[in-house]
C-alpha atoms as a PDB file:
ATOM      1  CA  MET A   1     112.997 142.149  85.048  1.00  0.00           C
ATOM      2  CA  SER A   2     114.719 139.787  86.899  1.00  0.00           C
ATOM      3  CA  ASN A   3     115.085 135.889  86.506  1.00  0.00           C
ATOM      4  CA  ILE A   4     114.363 133.222  88.585  1.00  0.00           C
ATOM      5  CA  THR A   5     115.861 129.564  87.935  1.00  0.00           C
ATOM      6  CA  LEU A   6     113.836 126.576  89.068  1.00  0.00           C
ATOM      7  CA  ARG A   7     115.220 122.951  88.815  1.00  0.00           C
ATOM      8  CA  LEU A   8     112.809 120.636  88.149  1.00  0.00           C
ATOM      9  CA  THR A   9     112.617 117.008  87.487  1.00  0.00           C
ATOM     10  CA  ASP A  10     111.394 115.639  84.020  1.00  0.00           C
ATOM     11  CA  GLU A  11     107.857 115.031  85.801  1.00  0.00           C
ATOM     12  CA  GLU A  12     107.476 118.123  87.361  1.00  0.00           C
ATOM     13  CA  ARG A  13     108.119 120.264  84.251  1.00  0.00           C
ATOM     14  CA  GLU A  14     105.899 118.248  82.027  1.00  0.00           C
ATOM     15  CA  ILE A  15     103.270 119.051  84.787  1.00  0.00           C
ATOM     16  CA  LEU A  16     103.738 122.761  85.064  1.00  0.00           C
ATOM     17  CA  ASN A  17     103.502 122.419  80.859  1.00  0.00           C
ATOM     18  CA  ASN A  18     100.255 120.825  81.128  1.00  0.00           C
ATOM     19  CA  VAL A  19      98.678 123.554  83.711  1.00  0.00           C
ATOM     20  CA  ALA A  20     100.599 126.238  81.341  1.00  0.00           C
ATOM     21  CA  HIS A  21      98.170 124.840  78.555  1.00  0.00           C
ATOM     22  CA  LEU A  22      95.262 125.256  81.051  1.00  0.00           C
ATOM     23  CA  TYR A  23      95.949 128.802  81.418  1.00  0.00           C
ATOM     24  CA  ALA A  24      96.222 129.228  77.820  1.00  0.00           C
ATOM     25  CA  ASP A  25      99.840 131.002  78.683  1.00  0.00           C
ATOM     26  CA  LYS A  26     103.406 130.853  78.827  1.00  0.00           C
ATOM     27  CA  LEU A  27     104.760 128.804  81.297  1.00  0.00           C
ATOM     28  CA  SER A  28     106.609 131.381  83.390  1.00  0.00           C
ATOM     29  CA  THR A  29     102.923 133.509  83.522  1.00  0.00           C
ATOM     30  CA  ALA A  30     101.276 130.718  84.577  1.00  0.00           C
ATOM     31  CA  ILE A  31     103.768 130.288  87.414  1.00  0.00           C
ATOM     32  CA  LYS A  32     103.546 133.647  88.323  1.00  0.00           C
ATOM     33  CA  THR A  33      99.696 133.454  88.369  1.00  0.00           C
ATOM     34  CA  ILE A  34      99.395 130.363  90.098  1.00  0.00           C
ATOM     35  CA  LEU A  35     101.825 131.475  92.760  1.00  0.00           C
ATOM     36  CA  PHE A  36     100.023 134.978  93.328  1.00  0.00           C
ATOM     37  CA  GLU A  37      96.816 132.974  93.848  1.00  0.00           C
ATOM     38  CA  LYS A  38      98.267 131.071  96.270  1.00  0.00           C
ATOM     39  CA  ILE A  39      99.778 134.290  98.015  1.00  0.00           C
ATOM     40  CA  GLU A  40      96.140 135.368  98.335  1.00  0.00           C
ATOM     41  CA  GLU A  41      94.434 132.072  99.265  1.00  0.00           C
ATOM     42  CA  ASP A  42      97.298 131.853 102.175  1.00  0.00           C
ATOM     43  CA  TYR A  43      96.736 135.826 102.886  1.00  0.00           C
ATOM     44  CA  ASN A  44      92.768 135.334 103.142  1.00  0.00           C
ATOM     45  CA  LEU A  45      92.848 132.311 105.340  1.00  0.00           C
ATOM     46  CA  LYS A  46      95.372 133.744 107.734  1.00  0.00           C
ATOM     47  CA  ILE A  47      92.574 137.008 107.774  1.00  0.00           C
ATOM     48  CA  VAL A  48      89.466 134.771 108.566  1.00  0.00           C
ATOM     49  CA  LYS A  49      91.233 132.621 111.185  1.00  0.00           C
ATOM     50  CA  ASP A  50      92.473 135.861 113.223  1.00  0.00           C
ATOM     51  CA  PHE A  51      88.812 136.580 112.776  1.00  0.00           C
ATOM     52  CA  GLU A  52      87.500 133.972 113.895  1.00  0.00           C
ATOM     53  CA  LYS A  53      89.991 133.762 116.853  1.00  0.00           C
ATOM     54  CA  ARG A  54      88.804 137.426 118.172  1.00  0.00           C
ATOM     55  CA  GLU A  55      85.181 136.215 117.394  1.00  0.00           C
ATOM     56  CA  LYS A  56      85.734 133.567 119.812  1.00  0.00           C
ATOM     57  CA  GLU A  57      87.610 135.973 122.485  1.00  0.00           C
ATOM     58  CA  ASN A  58      84.437 138.043 122.255  1.00  0.00           C
ATOM     59  CA  LYS A  59      86.313 141.157 120.635  1.00  0.00           C
ATOM     60  CA  VAL A  60      83.672 140.804 117.552  1.00  0.00           C
ATOM     61  CA  GLU A  61      81.331 143.667 117.740  1.00  0.00           C
ATOM     62  CA  LEU A  62      78.471 143.333 114.348  1.00  0.00           C
ATOM     63  CA  VAL A  63      76.681 145.847 112.835  1.00  0.00           C
ATOM     64  CA  SER A  64      73.742 146.171 110.806  1.00  0.00           C
ATOM     65  CA  LEU A  65      74.081 148.281 108.180  1.00  0.00           C
ATOM     66  CA  SER A  66      71.426 150.739 109.375  1.00  0.00           C
ATOM     67  CA  ASP A  67      73.011 151.251 112.716  1.00  0.00           C
ATOM     68  CA  PHE A  68      76.465 151.435 110.895  1.00  0.00           C
ATOM     69  CA  ARG A  69      74.767 154.211 108.781  1.00  0.00           C
ATOM     70  CA  LYS A  70      73.198 156.111 111.749  1.00  0.00           C
ATOM     71  CA  LYS A  71      77.574 155.944 113.558  1.00  0.00           C
ATOM     72  CA  LEU A  72      78.256 157.934 110.575  1.00  0.00           C
ATOM     73  CA  GLY A  73      75.524 159.803 110.515  1.00  0.00           C
ATOM     74  CA  VAL A  74      74.593 159.597 107.275  1.00  0.00           C
END
């Protein structure tokens, strides 16, 4: 496993330690959790924005579940 070094002020370290206590976890695990949650949120937001853009351009077709099943022959 590799290591990454972060330079933090005392205040930043205290904030992150407090957050780690909220997660009831070690500091490194809490930072990883927060980081990957942020990445997931940003990715989901990008997907929504892309969908909304395609929808404005009339490039989206919404299909009911029953019609979708018919298309699949189910």
